[in-house]
Amino acid sequence: MEEKACCCNKTKERTEEEYKRLIHRLNRIEGQIRGIRGMVEKNAYCTDILVQSAAVTAAVNAFNRELLSNHIRTCVAQDIRDGKDEVIDELVSTLQKLMK
């Protein structure tokens, strides 16, 4: 019986530049989240918190776009070149999850 590969067992070596860009984005998102927490703790006005929450959503979406773009250019393209067409189904599934 052939086992289906789990994405949890896959890894990707990123360039130093890609790694730094992604970590930088995540650090900024983390800071934004801490800021929102502080606003809640200080009883900030709801709409002010919602505006900051929307900014976090936009930042996460930007992170996802960058990561997805890198994934398609590297992992997906290489798998297709290697004849691993199942990567297309994986990509479609990932896109469906991102578009919920």
PDB file of N, CA and C in Angstrom:
ATOM      1  N   MET A   1       0.847  -1.178   0.000  1.00  0.00           N
ATOM      2  CA  MET A   1       0.000   0.000   0.000  1.00  0.00           C
ATOM      3  C   MET A   1       0.893   1.242   0.000  1.00  0.00           C
ATOM      4  N   GLU A   2       0.657   2.128  -0.944  1.00  0.00           N
ATOM      5  CA  GLU A   2       1.452   3.344  -1.059  1.00  0.00           C
ATOM      6  C   GLU A   2       0.889   4.412  -0.127  1.00  0.00           C
ATOM      7  N   GLU A   3       1.768   5.049   0.641  1.00  0.00           N
ATOM      8  CA  GLU A   3       1.345   6.096   1.553  1.00  0.00           C
ATOM      9  C   GLU A   3       1.310   7.424   0.824  1.00  0.00           C
ATOM     10  N   LYS A   4       0.290   8.204   1.095  1.00  0.00           N
ATOM     11  CA  LYS A   4       0.198   9.542   0.521  1.00  0.00           C
ATOM     12  C   LYS A   4       1.126  10.464   1.310  1.00  0.00           C
ATOM     13  N   ALA A   5       1.900  11.250   0.615  1.00  0.00           N
ATOM     14  CA  ALA A   5       2.831  12.161   1.283  1.00  0.00           C
ATOM     15  C   ALA A   5       2.058  13.241   2.032  1.00  0.00           C
ATOM     16  N   CYS A   6       2.465  13.479   3.238  1.00  0.00           N
ATOM     17  CA  CYS A   6       1.867  14.531   4.056  1.00  0.00           C
ATOM     18  C   CYS A   6       2.723  15.783   3.946  1.00  0.00           C
ATOM     19  N   CYS A   7       2.082  16.915   3.786  1.00  0.00           N
ATOM     20  CA  CYS A   7       2.844  18.149   3.654  1.00  0.00           C
ATOM     21  C   CYS A   7       3.682  18.417   4.900  1.00  0.00           C
ATOM     22  N   CYS A   8       3.311  17.830   6.004  1.00  0.00           N
ATOM     23  CA  CYS A   8       4.059  18.040   7.251  1.00  0.00           C
ATOM     24  C   CYS A   8       5.449  17.418   7.173  1.00  0.00           C
ATOM     25  N   ASN A   9       5.649  16.451   6.305  1.00  0.00           N
ATOM     26  CA  ASN A   9       6.943  15.786   6.180  1.00  0.00           C
ATOM     27  C   ASN A   9       7.833  16.441   5.131  1.00  0.00           C
ATOM     28  N   LYS A  10       7.287  17.369   4.386  1.00  0.00           N
ATOM     29  CA  LYS A  10       8.065  18.049   3.359  1.00  0.00           C
ATOM     30  C   LYS A  10       8.768  19.245   3.980  1.00  0.00           C
ATOM     31  N   THR A  11       9.904  19.574   3.434  1.00  0.00           N
ATOM     32  CA  THR A  11      10.621  20.775   3.879  1.00  0.00           C
ATOM     33  C   THR A  11      11.074  21.543   2.651  1.00  0.00           C
ATOM     34  N   LYS A  12      11.489  22.766   2.876  1.00  0.00           N
ATOM     35  CA  LYS A  12      12.008  23.582   1.781  1.00  0.00           C
ATOM     36  C   LYS A  12      13.160  24.408   2.297  1.00  0.00           C
ATOM     37  N   GLU A  13      14.253  24.347   1.596  1.00  0.00           N
ATOM     38  CA  GLU A  13      15.376  25.214   1.934  1.00  0.00           C
ATOM     39  C   GLU A  13      15.184  26.528   1.200  1.00  0.00           C
ATOM     40  N   ARG A  14      15.122  27.599   1.980  1.00  0.00           N
ATOM     41  CA  ARG A  14      14.914  28.920   1.407  1.00  0.00           C
ATOM     42  C   ARG A  14      16.238  29.660   1.298  1.00  0.00           C
ATOM     43  N   THR A  15      16.291  30.565   0.337  1.00  0.00           N
ATOM     44  CA  THR A  15      17.478  31.410   0.251  1.00  0.00           C
ATOM     45  C   THR A  15      17.498  32.307   1.482  1.00  0.00           C
ATOM     46  N   GLU A  16      18.652  32.835   1.791  1.00  0.00           N
ATOM     47  CA  GLU A  16      18.761  33.723   2.946  1.00  0.00           C
ATOM     48  C   GLU A  16      17.874  34.949   2.763  1.00  0.00           C
ATOM     49  N   GLU A  17      17.810  35.458   1.547  1.00  0.00           N
ATOM     50  CA  GLU A  17      16.978  36.621   1.253  1.00  0.00           C
ATOM     51  C   GLU A  17      15.495  36.318   1.479  1.00  0.00           C
ATOM     52  N   GLU A  18      15.030  35.171   0.959  1.00  0.00           N
ATOM     53  CA  GLU A  18      13.625  34.798   1.135  1.00  0.00           C
ATOM     54  C   GLU A  18      13.319  34.623   2.623  1.00  0.00           C
ATOM     55  N   TYR A  19      14.202  33.933   3.331  1.00  0.00           N
ATOM     56  CA  TYR A  19      14.025  33.708   4.760  1.00  0.00           C
ATOM     57  C   TYR A  19      13.905  35.037   5.504  1.00  0.00           C
ATOM     58  N   LYS A  20      14.807  35.961   5.221  1.00  0.00           N
ATOM     59  CA  LYS A  20      14.796  37.253   5.908  1.00  0.00           C
ATOM     60  C   LYS A  20      13.519  38.034   5.617  1.00  0.00           C
ATOM     61  N   ARG A  21      13.061  38.017   4.356  1.00  0.00           N
ATOM     62  CA  ARG A  21      11.824  38.737   4.005  1.00  0.00           C
ATOM     63  C   ARG A  21      10.621  38.169   4.743  1.00  0.00           C
ATOM     64  N   LEU A  22      10.525  36.836   4.771  1.00  0.00           N
ATOM     65  CA  LEU A  22       9.385  36.209   5.434  1.00  0.00           C
ATOM     66  C   LEU A  22       9.407  36.458   6.939  1.00  0.00           C
ATOM     67  N   ILE A  23      10.577  36.310   7.552  1.00  0.00           N
ATOM     68  CA  ILE A  23      10.693  36.537   8.995  1.00  0.00           C
ATOM     69  C   ILE A  23      10.400  38.004   9.325  1.00  0.00           C
ATOM     70  N   HIS A  24      10.863  38.910   8.473  1.00  0.00           N
ATOM     71  CA  HIS A  24      10.588  40.333   8.693  1.00  0.00           C
ATOM     72  C   HIS A  24       9.078  40.591   8.683  1.00  0.00           C
ATOM     73  N   ARG A  25       8.394  40.028   7.714  1.00  0.00           N
ATOM     74  CA  ARG A  25       6.934  40.195   7.644  1.00  0.00           C
ATOM     75  C   ARG A  25       6.265  39.622   8.883  1.00  0.00           C
ATOM     76  N   LEU A  26       6.702  38.427   9.300  1.00  0.00           N
ATOM     77  CA  LEU A  26       6.102  37.798  10.483  1.00  0.00           C
ATOM     78  C   LEU A  26       6.370  38.608  11.744  1.00  0.00           C
ATOM     79  N   ASN A  27       7.553  39.163  11.865  1.00  0.00           N
ATOM     80  CA  ASN A  27       7.863  40.005  13.026  1.00  0.00           C
ATOM     81  C   ASN A  27       6.963  41.235  13.071  1.00  0.00           C
ATOM     82  N   ARG A  28       6.721  41.827  11.912  1.00  0.00           N
ATOM     83  CA  ARG A  28       5.834  42.990  11.857  1.00  0.00           C
ATOM     84  C   ARG A  28       4.408  42.598  12.244  1.00  0.00           C
ATOM     85  N   ILE A  29       3.947  41.456  11.755  1.00  0.00           N
ATOM     86  CA  ILE A  29       2.601  40.983  12.093  1.00  0.00           C
ATOM     87  C   ILE A  29       2.504  40.727  13.600  1.00  0.00           C
ATOM     88  N   GLU A  30       3.525  40.100  14.141  1.00  0.00           N
ATOM     89  CA  GLU A  30       3.546  39.824  15.573  1.00  0.00           C
ATOM     90  C   GLU A  30       3.455  41.127  16.372  1.00  0.00           C
ATOM     91  N   GLY A  31       4.185  42.142  15.941  1.00  0.00           N
ATOM     92  CA  GLY A  31       4.124  43.437  16.602  1.00  0.00           C
ATOM     93  C   GLY A  31       2.740  44.065  16.512  1.00  0.00           C
ATOM     94  N   GLN A  32       2.112  43.929  15.341  1.00  0.00           N
ATOM     95  CA  GLN A  32       0.761  44.464  15.171  1.00  0.00           C
ATOM     96  C   GLN A  32      -0.222  43.763  16.118  1.00  0.00           C
ATOM     97  N   ILE A  33      -0.089  42.455  16.244  1.00  0.00           N
ATOM     98  CA  ILE A  33      -0.967  41.687  17.135  1.00  0.00           C
ATOM     99  C   ILE A  33      -0.770  42.140  18.586  1.00  0.00           C
ATOM    100  N   ARG A  34       0.488  42.315  18.982  1.00  0.00           N
ATOM    101  CA  ARG A  34       0.758  42.797  20.350  1.00  0.00           C
ATOM    102  C   ARG A  34       0.146  44.187  20.554  1.00  0.00           C
ATOM    103  N   GLY A  35       0.199  45.009  19.516  1.00  0.00           N
ATOM    104  CA  GLY A  35      -0.416  46.331  19.594  1.00  0.00           C
ATOM    105  C   GLY A  35      -1.913  46.252  19.792  1.00  0.00           C
ATOM    106  N   ILE A  36      -2.556  45.355  19.085  1.00  0.00           N
ATOM    107  CA  ILE A  36      -4.005  45.176  19.233  1.00  0.00           C
ATOM    108  C   ILE A  36      -4.324  44.682  20.639  1.00  0.00           C
ATOM    109  N   ARG A  37      -3.540  43.760  21.124  1.00  0.00           N
ATOM    110  CA  ARG A  37      -3.762  43.266  22.490  1.00  0.00           C
ATOM    111  C   ARG A  37      -3.675  44.425  23.483  1.00  0.00           C
ATOM    112  N   GLY A  38      -2.663  45.272  23.299  1.00  0.00           N
ATOM    113  CA  GLY A  38      -2.521  46.435  24.165  1.00  0.00           C
ATOM    114  C   GLY A  38      -3.719  47.357  24.085  1.00  0.00           C
ATOM    115  N   MET A  39      -4.256  47.520  22.882  1.00  0.00           N
ATOM    116  CA  MET A  39      -5.447  48.363  22.712  1.00  0.00           C
ATOM    117  C   MET A  39      -6.629  47.786  23.479  1.00  0.00           C
ATOM    118  N   VAL A  40      -6.805  46.469  23.399  1.00  0.00           N
ATOM    119  CA  VAL A  40      -7.902  45.823  24.122  1.00  0.00           C
ATOM    120  C   VAL A  40      -7.695  45.992  25.633  1.00  0.00           C
ATOM    121  N   GLU A  41      -6.464  45.778  26.072  1.00  0.00           N
ATOM    122  CA  GLU A  41      -6.158  45.912  27.499  1.00  0.00           C
ATOM    123  C   GLU A  41      -6.406  47.336  28.000  1.00  0.00           C
ATOM    124  N   LYS A  42      -6.237  48.331  27.119  1.00  0.00           N
ATOM    125  CA  LYS A  42      -6.435  49.740  27.506  1.00  0.00           C
ATOM    126  C   LYS A  42      -7.839  50.235  27.162  1.00  0.00           C
ATOM    127  N   ASN A  43      -8.724  49.293  26.808  1.00  0.00           N
ATOM    128  CA  ASN A  43     -10.123  49.623  26.507  1.00  0.00           C
ATOM    129  C   ASN A  43     -10.261  50.627  25.365  1.00  0.00           C
ATOM    130  N   ALA A  44      -9.459  50.456  24.327  1.00  0.00           N
ATOM    131  CA  ALA A  44      -9.543  51.338  23.157  1.00  0.00           C
ATOM    132  C   ALA A  44     -10.914  51.194  22.496  1.00  0.00           C
ATOM    133  N   TYR A  45     -11.269  52.196  21.752  1.00  0.00           N
ATOM    134  CA  TYR A  45     -12.558  52.231  21.052  1.00  0.00           C
ATOM    135  C   TYR A  45     -12.596  51.126  19.988  1.00  0.00           C
ATOM    136  N   CYS A  46     -13.751  50.488  19.859  1.00  0.00           N
ATOM    137  CA  CYS A  46     -13.905  49.316  18.988  1.00  0.00           C
ATOM    138  C   CYS A  46     -13.427  49.565  17.562  1.00  0.00           C
ATOM    139  N   THR A  47     -13.845  50.670  16.961  1.00  0.00           N
ATOM    140  CA  THR A  47     -13.473  50.887  15.560  1.00  0.00           C
ATOM    141  C   THR A  47     -11.973  51.075  15.393  1.00  0.00           C
ATOM    142  N   ASP A  48     -11.322  51.643  16.397  1.00  0.00           N
ATOM    143  CA  ASP A  48      -9.862  51.783  16.331  1.00  0.00           C
ATOM    144  C   ASP A  48      -9.191  50.411  16.314  1.00  0.00           C
ATOM    145  N   ILE A  49      -9.713  49.512  17.128  1.00  0.00           N
ATOM    146  CA  ILE A  49      -9.179  48.142  17.157  1.00  0.00           C
ATOM    147  C   ILE A  49      -9.468  47.438  15.837  1.00  0.00           C
ATOM    148  N   LEU A  50     -10.674  47.622  15.314  1.00  0.00           N
ATOM    149  CA  LEU A  50     -11.044  46.982  14.049  1.00  0.00           C
ATOM    150  C   LEU A  50     -10.161  47.450  12.900  1.00  0.00           C
ATOM    151  N   VAL A  51      -9.801  48.708  12.883  1.00  0.00           N
ATOM    152  CA  VAL A  51      -8.913  49.228  11.833  1.00  0.00           C
ATOM    153  C   VAL A  51      -7.554  48.541  11.922  1.00  0.00           C
ATOM    154  N   GLN A  52      -7.051  48.398  13.131  1.00  0.00           N
ATOM    155  CA  GLN A  52      -5.764  47.714  13.305  1.00  0.00           C
ATOM    156  C   GLN A  52      -5.868  46.235  12.957  1.00  0.00           C
ATOM    157  N   SER A  53      -6.993  45.626  13.283  1.00  0.00           N
ATOM    158  CA  SER A  53      -7.216  44.220  12.925  1.00  0.00           C
ATOM    159  C   SER A  53      -7.234  44.037  11.406  1.00  0.00           C
ATOM    160  N   ALA A  54      -7.844  44.977  10.709  1.00  0.00           N
ATOM    161  CA  ALA A  54      -7.867  44.929   9.241  1.00  0.00           C
ATOM    162  C   ALA A  54      -6.452  45.056   8.683  1.00  0.00           C
ATOM    163  N   ALA A  55      -5.623  45.859   9.336  1.00  0.00           N
ATOM    164  CA  ALA A  55      -4.225  46.009   8.900  1.00  0.00           C
ATOM    165  C   ALA A  55      -3.470  44.694   9.075  1.00  0.00           C
ATOM    166  N   VAL A  56      -3.768  43.978  10.148  1.00  0.00           N
ATOM    167  CA  VAL A  56      -3.138  42.667  10.366  1.00  0.00           C
ATOM    168  C   VAL A  56      -3.582  41.690   9.283  1.00  0.00           C
ATOM    169  N   THR A  57      -4.867  41.705   8.970  1.00  0.00           N
ATOM    170  CA  THR A  57      -5.378  40.828   7.912  1.00  0.00           C
ATOM    171  C   THR A  57      -4.656  41.114   6.594  1.00  0.00           C
ATOM    172  N   ALA A  58      -4.485  42.376   6.274  1.00  0.00           N
ATOM    173  CA  ALA A  58      -3.776  42.755   5.042  1.00  0.00           C
ATOM    174  C   ALA A  58      -2.327  42.296   5.091  1.00  0.00           C
ATOM    175  N   ALA A  59      -1.693  42.401   6.250  1.00  0.00           N
ATOM    176  CA  ALA A  59      -0.298  41.968   6.388  1.00  0.00           C
ATOM    177  C   ALA A  59      -0.170  40.456   6.239  1.00  0.00           C
ATOM    178  N   VAL A  60      -1.103  39.712   6.806  1.00  0.00           N
ATOM    179  CA  VAL A  60      -1.083  38.247   6.665  1.00  0.00           C
ATOM    180  C   VAL A  60      -1.321  37.873   5.206  1.00  0.00           C
ATOM    181  N   ASN A  61      -2.239  38.563   4.553  1.00  0.00           N
ATOM    182  CA  ASN A  61      -2.488  38.294   3.135  1.00  0.00           C
ATOM    183  C   ASN A  61      -1.243  38.576   2.295  1.00  0.00           C
ATOM    184  N   ALA A  62      -0.525  39.633   2.608  1.00  0.00           N
ATOM    185  CA  ALA A  62       0.713  39.945   1.877  1.00  0.00           C
ATOM    186  C   ALA A  62       1.761  38.858   2.115  1.00  0.00           C
ATOM    187  N   PHE A  63       1.855  38.379   3.342  1.00  0.00           N
ATOM    188  CA  PHE A  63       2.765  37.267   3.658  1.00  0.00           C
ATOM    189  C   PHE A  63       2.393  36.041   2.831  1.00  0.00           C
ATOM    190  N   ASN A  64       1.099  35.708   2.807  1.00  0.00           N
ATOM    191  CA  ASN A  64       0.629  34.545   2.048  1.00  0.00           C
ATOM    192  C   ASN A  64       0.919  34.682   0.558  1.00  0.00           C
ATOM    193  N   ARG A  65       0.710  35.884   0.009  1.00  0.00           N
ATOM    194  CA  ARG A  65       0.983  36.097  -1.422  1.00  0.00           C
ATOM    195  C   ARG A  65       2.459  35.873  -1.725  1.00  0.00           C
ATOM    196  N   GLU A  66       3.328  36.400  -0.879  1.00  0.00           N
ATOM    197  CA  GLU A  66       4.759  36.236  -1.110  1.00  0.00           C
ATOM    198  C   GLU A  66       5.170  34.772  -1.001  1.00  0.00           C
ATOM    199  N   LEU A  67       4.689  34.095   0.034  1.00  0.00           N
ATOM    200  CA  LEU A  67       5.031  32.690   0.222  1.00  0.00           C
ATOM    201  C   LEU A  67       4.480  31.834  -0.917  1.00  0.00           C
ATOM    202  N   LEU A  68       3.253  32.089  -1.326  1.00  0.00           N
ATOM    203  CA  LEU A  68       2.649  31.339  -2.427  1.00  0.00           C
ATOM    204  C   LEU A  68       3.409  31.566  -3.730  1.00  0.00           C
ATOM    205  N   SER A  69       3.766  32.796  -3.995  1.00  0.00           N
ATOM    206  CA  SER A  69       4.522  33.122  -5.197  1.00  0.00           C
ATOM    207  C   SER A  69       5.851  32.356  -5.231  1.00  0.00           C
ATOM    208  N   ASN A  70       6.563  32.381  -4.105  1.00  0.00           N
ATOM    209  CA  ASN A  70       7.825  31.638  -4.012  1.00  0.00           C
ATOM    210  C   ASN A  70       7.596  30.145  -4.188  1.00  0.00           C
ATOM    211  N   HIS A  71       6.522  29.640  -3.605  1.00  0.00           N
ATOM    212  CA  HIS A  71       6.212  28.208  -3.692  1.00  0.00           C
ATOM    213  C   HIS A  71       5.968  27.788  -5.139  1.00  0.00           C
ATOM    214  N   ILE A  72       5.190  28.582  -5.852  1.00  0.00           N
ATOM    215  CA  ILE A  72       4.880  28.249  -7.251  1.00  0.00           C
ATOM    216  C   ILE A  72       6.149  28.301  -8.101  1.00  0.00           C
ATOM    217  N   ARG A  73       6.958  29.336  -7.909  1.00  0.00           N
ATOM    218  CA  ARG A  73       8.180  29.508  -8.714  1.00  0.00           C
ATOM    219  C   ARG A  73       9.228  28.431  -8.439  1.00  0.00           C
ATOM    220  N   THR A  74       9.222  27.879  -7.240  1.00  0.00           N
ATOM    221  CA  THR A  74      10.273  26.917  -6.882  1.00  0.00           C
ATOM    222  C   THR A  74       9.716  25.504  -6.794  1.00  0.00           C
ATOM    223  N   CYS A  75       8.998  25.201  -5.736  1.00  0.00           N
ATOM    224  CA  CYS A  75       8.529  23.837  -5.466  1.00  0.00           C
ATOM    225  C   CYS A  75       7.624  23.291  -6.571  1.00  0.00           C
ATOM    226  N   VAL A  76       6.592  24.068  -6.909  1.00  0.00           N
ATOM    227  CA  VAL A  76       5.620  23.595  -7.899  1.00  0.00           C
ATOM    228  C   VAL A  76       6.289  23.437  -9.264  1.00  0.00           C
ATOM    229  N   ALA A  77       7.033  24.436  -9.682  1.00  0.00           N
ATOM    230  CA  ALA A  77       7.697  24.373 -10.992  1.00  0.00           C
ATOM    231  C   ALA A  77       8.645  23.180 -11.064  1.00  0.00           C
ATOM    232  N   GLN A  78       9.419  22.951 -10.008  1.00  0.00           N
ATOM    233  CA  GLN A  78      10.359  21.827 -10.012  1.00  0.00           C
ATOM    234  C   GLN A  78       9.634  20.490 -10.049  1.00  0.00           C
ATOM    235  N   ASP A  79       8.568  20.363  -9.256  1.00  0.00           N
ATOM    236  CA  ASP A  79       7.812  19.107  -9.260  1.00  0.00           C
ATOM    237  C   ASP A  79       7.204  18.830 -10.635  1.00  0.00           C
ATOM    238  N   ILE A  80       6.707  19.854 -11.299  1.00  0.00           N
ATOM    239  CA  ILE A  80       6.141  19.661 -12.641  1.00  0.00           C
ATOM    240  C   ILE A  80       7.240  19.231 -13.607  1.00  0.00           C
ATOM    241  N   ARG A  81       8.404  19.883 -13.515  1.00  0.00           N
ATOM    242  CA  ARG A  81       9.536  19.477 -14.370  1.00  0.00           C
ATOM    243  C   ARG A  81       9.942  18.026 -14.096  1.00  0.00           C
ATOM    244  N   ASP A  82       9.788  17.599 -12.841  1.00  0.00           N
ATOM    245  CA  ASP A  82      10.147  16.231 -12.460  1.00  0.00           C
ATOM    246  C   ASP A  82       9.031  15.227 -12.743  1.00  0.00           C
ATOM    247  N   GLY A  83       7.933  15.693 -13.344  1.00  0.00           N
ATOM    248  CA  GLY A  83       6.834  14.801 -13.695  1.00  0.00           C
ATOM    249  C   GLY A  83       5.895  14.487 -12.546  1.00  0.00           C
ATOM    250  N   LYS A  84       5.970  15.229 -11.472  1.00  0.00           N
ATOM    251  CA  LYS A  84       5.111  15.008 -10.298  1.00  0.00           C
ATOM    252  C   LYS A  84       3.871  15.893 -10.424  1.00  0.00           C
ATOM    253  N   ASP A  85       2.970  15.477 -11.296  1.00  0.00           N
ATOM    254  CA  ASP A  85       1.790  16.289 -11.578  1.00  0.00           C
ATOM    255  C   ASP A  85       0.828  16.393 -10.403  1.00  0.00           C
ATOM    256  N   GLU A  86       0.967  15.531  -9.395  1.00  0.00           N
ATOM    257  CA  GLU A  86       0.088  15.602  -8.230  1.00  0.00           C
ATOM    258  C   GLU A  86       0.260  16.933  -7.481  1.00  0.00           C
ATOM    259  N   VAL A  87       1.364  17.616  -7.740  1.00  0.00           N
ATOM    260  CA  VAL A  87       1.589  18.920  -7.115  1.00  0.00           C
ATOM    261  C   VAL A  87       0.522  19.926  -7.555  1.00  0.00           C
ATOM    262  N   ILE A  88      -0.059  19.719  -8.722  1.00  0.00           N
ATOM    263  CA  ILE A  88      -1.112  20.623  -9.209  1.00  0.00           C
ATOM    264  C   ILE A  88      -2.351  20.490  -8.331  1.00  0.00           C
ATOM    265  N   ASP A  89      -2.724  19.257  -7.981  1.00  0.00           N
ATOM    266  CA  ASP A  89      -3.864  19.047  -7.083  1.00  0.00           C
ATOM    267  C   ASP A  89      -3.596  19.663  -5.714  1.00  0.00           C
ATOM    268  N   GLU A  90      -2.364  19.524  -5.246  1.00  0.00           N
ATOM    269  CA  GLU A  90      -1.985  20.108  -3.958  1.00  0.00           C
ATOM    270  C   GLU A  90      -2.104  21.632  -4.015  1.00  0.00           C
ATOM    271  N   LEU A  91      -1.651  22.222  -5.114  1.00  0.00           N
ATOM    272  CA  LEU A  91      -1.728  23.665  -5.272  1.00  0.00           C
ATOM    273  C   LEU A  91      -3.183  24.137  -5.318  1.00  0.00           C
ATOM    274  N   VAL A  92      -4.024  23.437  -6.061  1.00  0.00           N
ATOM    275  CA  VAL A  92      -5.445  23.795  -6.145  1.00  0.00           C
ATOM    276  C   VAL A  92      -6.083  23.723  -4.762  1.00  0.00           C
ATOM    277  N   SER A  93      -5.780  22.677  -4.019  1.00  0.00           N
ATOM    278  CA  SER A  93      -6.309  22.524  -2.657  1.00  0.00           C
ATOM    279  C   SER A  93      -5.840  23.668  -1.758  1.00  0.00           C
ATOM    280  N   THR A  94      -4.581  24.027  -1.878  1.00  0.00           N
ATOM    281  CA  THR A  94      -4.047  25.131  -1.080  1.00  0.00           C
ATOM    282  C   THR A  94      -4.754  26.440  -1.428  1.00  0.00           C
ATOM    283  N   LEU A  95      -4.925  26.701  -2.729  1.00  0.00           N
ATOM    284  CA  LEU A  95      -5.608  27.929  -3.154  1.00  0.00           C
ATOM    285  C   LEU A  95      -7.046  27.978  -2.641  1.00  0.00           C
ATOM    286  N   GLN A  96      -7.730  26.834  -2.647  1.00  0.00           N
ATOM    287  CA  GLN A  96      -9.090  26.780  -2.143  1.00  0.00           C
ATOM    288  C   GLN A  96      -9.128  27.128  -0.662  1.00  0.00           C
ATOM    289  N   LYS A  97      -8.156  26.653   0.103  1.00  0.00           N
ATOM    290  CA  LYS A  97      -8.092  26.965   1.533  1.00  0.00           C
ATOM    291  C   LYS A  97      -7.801  28.450   1.755  1.00  0.00           C
ATOM    292  N   LEU A  98      -6.942  29.019   0.938  1.00  0.00           N
ATOM    293  CA  LEU A  98      -6.604  30.447   1.088  1.00  0.00           C
ATOM    294  C   LEU A  98      -7.766  31.356   0.717  1.00  0.00           C
ATOM    295  N   MET A  99      -8.663  30.885  -0.135  1.00  0.00           N
ATOM    296  CA  MET A  99      -9.755  31.722  -0.628  1.00  0.00           C
ATOM    297  C   MET A  99     -11.038  31.594   0.203  1.00  0.00           C
ATOM    298  N   LYS A 100     -10.989  30.894   1.310  1.00  0.00           N
ATOM    299  CA  LYS A 100     -12.188  30.752   2.154  1.00  0.00           C
ATOM    300  C   LYS A 100     -12.560  32.060   2.764  1.00  0.00           C
TER     301      LYS A 100
END
